[in-house]
């Protein structure tokens, strides 16, 4: 099987030319704003609790990013990004 990575000649543990695809960021935005829309329709209209709405908005952003990263990115890209972060090159 062919290696999907290109390594840095100076440090052979660092992967070159690896970025998250733009569709991850677009997917994050779509999931986040959709969840805020449905939250406001289902819960915010009923109880009007602004603190709970703020907490939901704050906590749903990392969840939306995780879902988008899981469904819209490849495992090879995520592994390369995690490897570069561990090597201190991100």
PDB file of N, CA and C in Angstrom:
ATOM      1  N   UNK A   1       0.838  -1.183   0.000  1.00  0.00           N
ATOM      2  CA  UNK A   1       0.000   0.000   0.000  1.00  0.00           C
ATOM      3  C   UNK A   1       0.880   1.242   0.000  1.00  0.00           C
ATOM      4  N   UNK A   2       0.490   2.236  -0.772  1.00  0.00           N
ATOM      5  CA  UNK A   2       1.277   3.448  -0.916  1.00  0.00           C
ATOM      6  C   UNK A   2       1.053   4.380   0.271  1.00  0.00           C
ATOM      7  N   UNK A   3       2.117   5.032   0.701  1.00  0.00           N
ATOM      8  CA  UNK A   3       2.054   5.962   1.823  1.00  0.00           C
ATOM      9  C   UNK A   3       1.376   7.257   1.370  1.00  0.00           C
ATOM     10  N   UNK A   4       0.316   7.722   2.046  1.00  0.00           N
ATOM     11  CA  UNK A   4      -0.394   8.934   1.611  1.00  0.00           C
ATOM     12  C   UNK A   4       0.279  10.234   2.056  1.00  0.00           C
ATOM     13  N   UNK A   5       1.395  10.171   2.762  1.00  0.00           N
ATOM     14  CA  UNK A   5       2.021  11.352   3.348  1.00  0.00           C
ATOM     15  C   UNK A   5       3.295  11.743   2.614  1.00  0.00           C
ATOM     16  N   UNK A   6       3.624  13.041   2.710  1.00  0.00           N
ATOM     17  CA  UNK A   6       4.914  13.558   2.292  1.00  0.00           C
ATOM     18  C   UNK A   6       5.587  14.095   3.542  1.00  0.00           C
ATOM     19  N   UNK A   7       6.784  13.609   3.825  1.00  0.00           N
ATOM     20  CA  UNK A   7       7.458  13.964   5.066  1.00  0.00           C
ATOM     21  C   UNK A   7       8.504  15.038   4.844  1.00  0.00           C
ATOM     22  N   UNK A   8       8.771  15.800   5.897  1.00  0.00           N
ATOM     23  CA  UNK A   8       9.775  16.851   5.889  1.00  0.00           C
ATOM     24  C   UNK A   8      11.161  16.205   5.851  1.00  0.00           C
ATOM     25  N   UNK A   9      12.041  16.645   4.944  1.00  0.00           N
ATOM     26  CA  UNK A   9      13.372  16.032   4.891  1.00  0.00           C
ATOM     27  C   UNK A   9      14.213  16.314   6.148  1.00  0.00           C
ATOM     28  N   UNK A  10      14.009  17.452   6.789  1.00  0.00           N
ATOM     29  CA  UNK A  10      14.781  17.790   7.987  1.00  0.00           C
ATOM     30  C   UNK A  10      14.328  16.964   9.198  1.00  0.00           C
ATOM     31  N   UNK A  11      13.027  16.724   9.310  1.00  0.00           N
ATOM     32  CA  UNK A  11      12.492  15.935  10.414  1.00  0.00           C
ATOM     33  C   UNK A  11      11.496  14.948   9.803  1.00  0.00           C
ATOM     34  N   UNK A  12      11.888  13.696   9.715  1.00  0.00           N
ATOM     35  CA  UNK A  12      11.055  12.738   8.998  1.00  0.00           C
ATOM     36  C   UNK A  12       9.795  12.331   9.745  1.00  0.00           C
ATOM     37  N   UNK A  13       9.536  12.926  10.921  1.00  0.00           N
ATOM     38  CA  UNK A  13       8.295  12.641  11.643  1.00  0.00           C
ATOM     39  C   UNK A  13       7.226  13.703  11.396  1.00  0.00           C
ATOM     40  N   UNK A  14       7.551  14.773  10.680  1.00  0.00           N
ATOM     41  CA  UNK A  14       6.610  15.871  10.407  1.00  0.00           C
ATOM     42  C   UNK A  14       6.055  15.707   8.992  1.00  0.00           C
ATOM     43  N   UNK A  15       4.742  15.759   8.880  1.00  0.00           N
ATOM     44  CA  UNK A  15       4.055  15.600   7.596  1.00  0.00           C
ATOM     45  C   UNK A  15       3.884  16.973   6.958  1.00  0.00           C
ATOM     46  N   UNK A  16       4.210  17.066   5.678  1.00  0.00           N
ATOM     47  CA  UNK A  16       4.067  18.322   4.938  1.00  0.00           C
ATOM     48  C   UNK A  16       2.731  18.380   4.206  1.00  0.00           C
ATOM     49  N   UNK A  17       2.314  19.596   3.892  1.00  0.00           N
ATOM     50  CA  UNK A  17       1.135  19.856   3.049  1.00  0.00           C
ATOM     51  C   UNK A  17      -0.124  19.166   3.559  1.00  0.00           C
ATOM     52  N   UNK A  18      -0.423  19.354   4.829  1.00  0.00           N
ATOM     53  CA  UNK A  18      -1.648  18.771   5.378  1.00  0.00           C
ATOM     54  C   UNK A  18      -2.473  19.896   6.004  1.00  0.00           C
ATOM     55  N   UNK A  19      -3.722  20.000   5.578  1.00  0.00           N
ATOM     56  CA  UNK A  19      -4.666  20.985   6.108  1.00  0.00           C
ATOM     57  C   UNK A  19      -6.042  20.357   6.162  1.00  0.00           C
ATOM     58  N   UNK A  20      -6.845  20.856   7.092  1.00  0.00           N
ATOM     59  CA  UNK A  20      -8.241  20.405   7.124  1.00  0.00           C
ATOM     60  C   UNK A  20      -8.958  20.995   5.921  1.00  0.00           C
ATOM     61  N   UNK A  21      -9.798  20.213   5.283  1.00  0.00           N
ATOM     62  CA  UNK A  21     -10.532  20.749   4.133  1.00  0.00           C
ATOM     63  C   UNK A  21     -11.529  21.828   4.570  1.00  0.00           C
ATOM     64  N   UNK A  22     -11.829  22.744   3.653  1.00  0.00           N
ATOM     65  CA  UNK A  22     -12.761  23.836   3.952  1.00  0.00           C
ATOM     66  C   UNK A  22     -14.155  23.331   4.275  1.00  0.00           C
ATOM     67  N   UNK A  23     -14.495  22.158   3.782  1.00  0.00           N
ATOM     68  CA  UNK A  23     -15.836  21.636   4.039  1.00  0.00           C
ATOM     69  C   UNK A  23     -16.045  21.338   5.522  1.00  0.00           C
ATOM     70  N   UNK A  24     -14.971  21.140   6.285  1.00  0.00           N
ATOM     71  CA  UNK A  24     -15.110  20.942   7.730  1.00  0.00           C
ATOM     72  C   UNK A  24     -15.615  22.224   8.380  1.00  0.00           C
ATOM     73  N   UNK A  25     -15.053  23.358   7.978  1.00  0.00           N
ATOM     74  CA  UNK A  25     -15.478  24.637   8.570  1.00  0.00           C
ATOM     75  C   UNK A  25     -16.894  24.995   8.120  1.00  0.00           C
ATOM     76  N   UNK A  26     -17.214  24.729   6.869  1.00  0.00           N
ATOM     77  CA  UNK A  26     -18.580  24.989   6.395  1.00  0.00           C
ATOM     78  C   UNK A  26     -19.579  24.072   7.091  1.00  0.00           C
ATOM     79  N   UNK A  27     -19.210  22.822   7.264  1.00  0.00           N
ATOM     80  CA  UNK A  27     -20.075  21.875   7.967  1.00  0.00           C
ATOM     81  C   UNK A  27     -20.272  22.261   9.423  1.00  0.00           C
ATOM     82  N   UNK A  28     -19.208  22.758  10.059  1.00  0.00           N
ATOM     83  CA  UNK A  28     -19.310  23.219  11.448  1.00  0.00           C
ATOM     84  C   UNK A  28     -20.315  24.356  11.557  1.00  0.00           C
ATOM     85  N   UNK A  29     -20.210  25.313  10.657  1.00  0.00           N
ATOM     86  CA  UNK A  29     -21.153  26.430  10.670  1.00  0.00           C
ATOM     87  C   UNK A  29     -22.576  25.993  10.427  1.00  0.00           C
ATOM     88  N   UNK A  30     -22.755  25.074   9.486  1.00  0.00           N
ATOM     89  CA  UNK A  30     -24.106  24.591   9.176  1.00  0.00           C
ATOM     90  C   UNK A  30     -24.708  23.848  10.363  1.00  0.00           C
ATOM     91  N   UNK A  31     -23.936  22.970  10.974  1.00  0.00           N
ATOM     92  CA  UNK A  31     -24.438  22.222  12.132  1.00  0.00           C
ATOM     93  C   UNK A  31     -24.714  23.151  13.295  1.00  0.00           C
ATOM     94  N   UNK A  32     -23.811  24.098  13.528  1.00  0.00           N
ATOM     95  CA  UNK A  32     -23.951  25.012  14.668  1.00  0.00           C
ATOM     96  C   UNK A  32     -25.198  25.887  14.535  1.00  0.00           C
ATOM     97  N   UNK A  33     -25.359  26.519  13.386  1.00  0.00           N
ATOM     98  CA  UNK A  33     -26.497  27.421  13.226  1.00  0.00           C
ATOM     99  C   UNK A  33     -27.821  26.661  13.134  1.00  0.00           C
ATOM    100  N   UNK A  34     -27.796  25.463  12.594  1.00  0.00           N
ATOM    101  CA  UNK A  34     -29.003  24.643  12.585  1.00  0.00           C
ATOM    102  C   UNK A  34     -29.401  24.246  13.997  1.00  0.00           C
ATOM    103  N   UNK A  35     -28.405  23.878  14.806  1.00  0.00           N
ATOM    104  CA  UNK A  35     -28.725  23.504  16.194  1.00  0.00           C
ATOM    105  C   UNK A  35     -29.247  24.707  16.979  1.00  0.00           C
ATOM    106  N   UNK A  36     -28.683  25.895  16.746  1.00  0.00           N
ATOM    107  CA  UNK A  36     -29.200  27.089  17.423  1.00  0.00           C
ATOM    108  C   UNK A  36     -30.623  27.402  16.978  1.00  0.00           C
ATOM    109  N   UNK A  37     -30.911  27.229  15.696  1.00  0.00           N
ATOM    110  CA  UNK A  37     -32.254  27.469  15.182  1.00  0.00           C
ATOM    111  C   UNK A  37     -33.268  26.530  15.843  1.00  0.00           C
ATOM    112  N   UNK A  38     -32.936  25.239  15.877  1.00  0.00           N
ATOM    113  CA  UNK A  38     -33.868  24.281  16.467  1.00  0.00           C
ATOM    114  C   UNK A  38     -33.984  24.451  17.978  1.00  0.00           C
ATOM    115  N   UNK A  39     -32.902  24.848  18.638  1.00  0.00           N
ATOM    116  CA  UNK A  39     -32.979  25.110  20.080  1.00  0.00           C
ATOM    117  C   UNK A  39     -33.918  26.278  20.351  1.00  0.00           C
ATOM    118  N   UNK A  40     -33.774  27.348  19.557  1.00  0.00           N
ATOM    119  CA  UNK A  40     -34.632  28.513  19.794  1.00  0.00           C
ATOM    120  C   UNK A  40     -36.093  28.196  19.503  1.00  0.00           C
ATOM    121  N   UNK A  41     -36.347  27.353  18.519  1.00  0.00           N
ATOM    122  CA  UNK A  41     -37.737  26.993  18.205  1.00  0.00           C
ATOM    123  C   UNK A  41     -38.354  26.093  19.259  1.00  0.00           C
ATOM    124  N   UNK A  42     -37.548  25.190  19.800  1.00  0.00           N
ATOM    125  CA  UNK A  42     -38.120  24.200  20.706  1.00  0.00           C
ATOM    126  C   UNK A  42     -38.097  24.626  22.173  1.00  0.00           C
ATOM    127  N   UNK A  43     -37.014  25.238  22.637  1.00  0.00           N
ATOM    128  CA  UNK A  43     -36.860  25.517  24.061  1.00  0.00           C
ATOM    129  C   UNK A  43     -36.912  27.009  24.396  1.00  0.00           C
ATOM    130  N   UNK A  44     -36.241  27.840  23.623  1.00  0.00           N
ATOM    131  CA  UNK A  44     -36.165  29.260  23.969  1.00  0.00           C
ATOM    132  C   UNK A  44     -37.532  29.937  23.883  1.00  0.00           C
ATOM    133  N   UNK A  45     -38.357  29.524  22.950  1.00  0.00           N
ATOM    134  CA  UNK A  45     -39.702  30.096  22.863  1.00  0.00           C
ATOM    135  C   UNK A  45     -40.560  29.715  24.064  1.00  0.00           C
ATOM    136  N   UNK A  46     -40.330  28.528  24.604  1.00  0.00           N
ATOM    137  CA  UNK A  46     -41.166  28.029  25.689  1.00  0.00           C
ATOM    138  C   UNK A  46     -40.796  28.676  27.018  1.00  0.00           C
ATOM    139  N   UNK A  47     -39.512  28.603  27.386  1.00  0.00           N
ATOM    140  CA  UNK A  47     -39.144  29.095  28.717  1.00  0.00           C
ATOM    141  C   UNK A  47     -38.451  30.455  28.693  1.00  0.00           C
ATOM    142  N   UNK A  48     -37.863  30.877  27.589  1.00  0.00           N
ATOM    143  CA  UNK A  48     -37.228  32.185  27.505  1.00  0.00           C
ATOM    144  C   UNK A  48     -36.000  32.334  28.394  1.00  0.00           C
ATOM    145  N   UNK A  49     -35.354  31.236  28.735  1.00  0.00           N
ATOM    146  CA  UNK A  49     -34.203  31.257  29.623  1.00  0.00           C
ATOM    147  C   UNK A  49     -32.948  31.610  28.814  1.00  0.00           C
ATOM    148  N   UNK A  50     -32.485  32.839  28.965  1.00  0.00           N
ATOM    149  CA  UNK A  50     -31.317  33.311  28.225  1.00  0.00           C
ATOM    150  C   UNK A  50     -30.017  32.678  28.673  1.00  0.00           C
ATOM    151  N   UNK A  51     -29.917  32.361  29.955  1.00  0.00           N
ATOM    152  CA  UNK A  51     -28.699  31.728  30.464  1.00  0.00           C
ATOM    153  C   UNK A  51     -28.540  30.333  29.861  1.00  0.00           C
ATOM    154  N   UNK A  52     -29.609  29.576  29.814  1.00  0.00           N
ATOM    155  CA  UNK A  52     -29.555  28.243  29.210  1.00  0.00           C
ATOM    156  C   UNK A  52     -29.263  28.342  27.713  1.00  0.00           C
ATOM    157  N   UNK A  53     -29.811  29.345  27.048  1.00  0.00           N
ATOM    158  CA  UNK A  53     -29.543  29.529  25.620  1.00  0.00           C
ATOM    159  C   UNK A  53     -28.084  29.885  25.390  1.00  0.00           C
ATOM    160  N   UNK A  54     -27.527  30.740  26.241  1.00  0.00           N
ATOM    161  CA  UNK A  54     -26.105  31.076  26.128  1.00  0.00           C
ATOM    162  C   UNK A  54     -25.209  29.883  26.390  1.00  0.00           C
ATOM    163  N   UNK A  55     -25.549  29.085  27.377  1.00  0.00           N
ATOM    164  CA  UNK A  55     -24.769  27.883  27.673  1.00  0.00           C
ATOM    165  C   UNK A  55     -24.859  26.894  26.513  1.00  0.00           C
ATOM    166  N   UNK A  56     -26.056  26.754  25.944  1.00  0.00           N
ATOM    167  CA  UNK A  56     -26.202  25.857  24.802  1.00  0.00           C
ATOM    168  C   UNK A  56     -25.370  26.353  23.627  1.00  0.00           C
ATOM    169  N   UNK A  57     -25.406  27.646  23.353  1.00  0.00           N
ATOM    170  CA  UNK A  57     -24.634  28.202  22.242  1.00  0.00           C
ATOM    171  C   UNK A  57     -23.137  28.009  22.463  1.00  0.00           C
ATOM    172  N   UNK A  58     -22.688  28.177  23.700  1.00  0.00           N
ATOM    173  CA  UNK A  58     -21.270  28.025  24.019  1.00  0.00           C
ATOM    174  C   UNK A  58     -20.827  26.574  23.888  1.00  0.00           C
ATOM    175  N   UNK A  59     -21.637  25.661  24.380  1.00  0.00           N
ATOM    176  CA  UNK A  59     -21.244  24.253  24.390  1.00  0.00           C
ATOM    177  C   UNK A  59     -21.509  23.526  23.068  1.00  0.00           C
ATOM    178  N   UNK A  60     -22.362  24.067  22.228  1.00  0.00           N
ATOM    179  CA  UNK A  60     -22.661  23.366  20.984  1.00  0.00           C
ATOM    180  C   UNK A  60     -21.621  23.629  19.897  1.00  0.00           C
ATOM    181  N   UNK A  61     -20.824  24.674  20.032  1.00  0.00           N
ATOM    182  CA  UNK A  61     -19.808  24.944  19.018  1.00  0.00           C
ATOM    183  C   UNK A  61     -18.738  23.854  18.966  1.00  0.00           C
ATOM    184  N   UNK A  62     -18.142  23.427  20.097  1.00  0.00           N
ATOM    185  CA  UNK A  62     -17.176  22.323  19.998  1.00  0.00           C
ATOM    186  C   UNK A  62     -17.816  21.012  19.523  1.00  0.00           C
ATOM    187  N   UNK A  63     -19.053  20.787  19.899  1.00  0.00           N
ATOM    188  CA  UNK A  63     -19.734  19.569  19.450  1.00  0.00           C
ATOM    189  C   UNK A  63     -19.960  19.610  17.938  1.00  0.00           C
ATOM    190  N   UNK A  64     -20.372  20.761  17.411  1.00  0.00           N
ATOM    191  CA  UNK A  64     -20.578  20.892  15.968  1.00  0.00           C
ATOM    192  C   UNK A  64     -19.263  20.686  15.216  1.00  0.00           C
ATOM    193  N   UNK A  65     -18.175  21.219  15.759  1.00  0.00           N
ATOM    194  CA  UNK A  65     -16.864  21.045  15.132  1.00  0.00           C
ATOM    195  C   UNK A  65     -16.443  19.581  15.145  1.00  0.00           C
ATOM    196  N   UNK A  66     -16.688  18.890  16.234  1.00  0.00           N
ATOM    197  CA  UNK A  66     -16.329  17.470  16.324  1.00  0.00           C
ATOM    198  C   UNK A  66     -17.128  16.630  15.336  1.00  0.00           C
ATOM    199  N   UNK A  67     -18.414  16.886  15.246  1.00  0.00           N
ATOM    200  CA  UNK A  67     -19.244  16.149  14.289  1.00  0.00           C
ATOM    201  C   UNK A  67     -18.797  16.409  12.853  1.00  0.00           C
ATOM    202  N   UNK A  68     -18.545  17.669  12.518  1.00  0.00           N
ATOM    203  CA  UNK A  68     -18.126  18.001  11.156  1.00  0.00           C
ATOM    204  C   UNK A  68     -16.766  17.379  10.840  1.00  0.00           C
ATOM    205  N   UNK A  69     -15.869  17.405  11.797  1.00  0.00           N
ATOM    206  CA  UNK A  69     -14.546  16.804  11.588  1.00  0.00           C
ATOM    207  C   UNK A  69     -14.656  15.295  11.390  1.00  0.00           C
ATOM    208  N   UNK A  70     -15.545  14.656  12.133  1.00  0.00           N
ATOM    209  CA  UNK A  70     -15.712  13.211  12.018  1.00  0.00           C
ATOM    210  C   UNK A  70     -16.311  12.822  10.668  1.00  0.00           C
ATOM    211  N   UNK A  71     -17.334  13.546  10.229  1.00  0.00           N
ATOM    212  CA  UNK A  71     -18.039  13.151   9.023  1.00  0.00           C
ATOM    213  C   UNK A  71     -17.449  13.720   7.735  1.00  0.00           C
ATOM    214  N   UNK A  72     -16.754  14.840   7.791  1.00  0.00           N
ATOM    215  CA  UNK A  72     -16.332  15.515   6.568  1.00  0.00           C
ATOM    216  C   UNK A  72     -14.832  15.510   6.321  1.00  0.00           C
ATOM    217  N   UNK A  73     -14.052  14.933   7.191  1.00  0.00           N
ATOM    218  CA  UNK A  73     -12.610  14.873   6.999  1.00  0.00           C
ATOM    219  C   UNK A  73     -12.180  13.418   6.904  1.00  0.00           C
ATOM    220  N   UNK A  74     -11.006  13.196   6.348  1.00  0.00           N
ATOM    221  CA  UNK A  74     -10.522  11.818   6.228  1.00  0.00           C
ATOM    222  C   UNK A  74      -9.676  11.447   7.447  1.00  0.00           C
ATOM    223  N   UNK A  75      -9.573  10.189   7.693  1.00  0.00           N
ATOM    224  CA  UNK A  75      -8.787   9.705   8.834  1.00  0.00           C
ATOM    225  C   UNK A  75      -7.306   9.994   8.634  1.00  0.00           C
ATOM    226  N   UNK A  76      -6.820   9.940   7.399  1.00  0.00           N
ATOM    227  CA  UNK A  76      -5.404  10.221   7.136  1.00  0.00           C
ATOM    228  C   UNK A  76      -5.057  11.670   7.437  1.00  0.00           C
ATOM    229  N   UNK A  77      -5.939  12.580   7.055  1.00  0.00           N
ATOM    230  CA  UNK A  77      -5.699  13.996   7.327  1.00  0.00           C
ATOM    231  C   UNK A  77      -5.693  14.270   8.818  1.00  0.00           C
ATOM    232  N   UNK A  78      -6.654  13.722   9.531  1.00  0.00           N
ATOM    233  CA  UNK A  78      -6.713  13.922  10.981  1.00  0.00           C
ATOM    234  C   UNK A  78      -5.490  13.333  11.674  1.00  0.00           C
ATOM    235  N   UNK A  79      -5.038  12.168  11.225  1.00  0.00           N
ATOM    236  CA  UNK A  79      -3.852  11.550  11.816  1.00  0.00           C
ATOM    237  C   UNK A  79      -2.613  12.400  11.574  1.00  0.00           C
ATOM    238  N   UNK A  80      -2.487  12.961  10.376  1.00  0.00           N
ATOM    239  CA  UNK A  80      -1.337  13.812  10.073  1.00  0.00           C
ATOM    240  C   UNK A  80      -1.362  15.092  10.897  1.00  0.00           C
ATOM    241  N   UNK A  81      -2.532  15.686  11.073  1.00  0.00           N
ATOM    242  CA  UNK A  81      -2.650  16.907  11.870  1.00  0.00           C
ATOM    243  C   UNK A  81      -2.326  16.615  13.332  1.00  0.00           C
ATOM    244  N   UNK A  82      -2.821  15.503  13.854  1.00  0.00           N
ATOM    245  CA  UNK A  82      -2.510  15.135  15.236  1.00  0.00           C
ATOM    246  C   UNK A  82      -1.027  14.844  15.404  1.00  0.00           C
ATOM    247  N   UNK A  83      -0.413  14.209  14.427  1.00  0.00           N
ATOM    248  CA  UNK A  83       1.016  13.918  14.489  1.00  0.00           C
ATOM    249  C   UNK A  83       1.835  15.211  14.499  1.00  0.00           C
ATOM    250  N   UNK A  84       1.487  16.153  13.627  1.00  0.00           N
ATOM    251  CA  UNK A  84       2.219  17.418  13.580  1.00  0.00           C
ATOM    252  C   UNK A  84       2.035  18.206  14.880  1.00  0.00           C
ATOM    253  N   UNK A  85       0.854  18.156  15.473  1.00  0.00           N
ATOM    254  CA  UNK A  85       0.629  18.850  16.737  1.00  0.00           C
ATOM    255  C   UNK A  85       1.479  18.222  17.843  1.00  0.00           C
ATOM    256  N   UNK A  86       1.590  16.908  17.820  1.00  0.00           N
ATOM    257  CA  UNK A  86       2.399  16.219  18.820  1.00  0.00           C
ATOM    258  C   UNK A  86       3.888  16.540  18.625  1.00  0.00           C
ATOM    259  N   UNK A  87       4.309  16.737  17.379  1.00  0.00           N
ATOM    260  CA  UNK A  87       5.705  17.069  17.101  1.00  0.00           C
ATOM    261  C   UNK A  87       5.983  18.559  17.287  1.00  0.00           C
ATOM    262  N   UNK A  88       4.953  19.363  17.513  1.00  0.00           N
ATOM    263  CA  UNK A  88       5.136  20.789  17.757  1.00  0.00           C
ATOM    264  C   UNK A  88       5.263  21.629  16.498  1.00  0.00           C
ATOM    265  N   UNK A  89       4.744  21.146  15.402  1.00  0.00           N
ATOM    266  CA  UNK A  89       4.872  21.860  14.128  1.00  0.00           C
ATOM    267  C   UNK A  89       3.551  22.382  13.592  1.00  0.00           C
ATOM    268  N   UNK A  90       2.528  22.508  14.400  1.00  0.00           N
ATOM    269  CA  UNK A  90       1.222  22.921  13.910  1.00  0.00           C
ATOM    270  C   UNK A  90       0.958  24.341  14.267  1.00  0.00           C
TER     271      UNK A  90
END
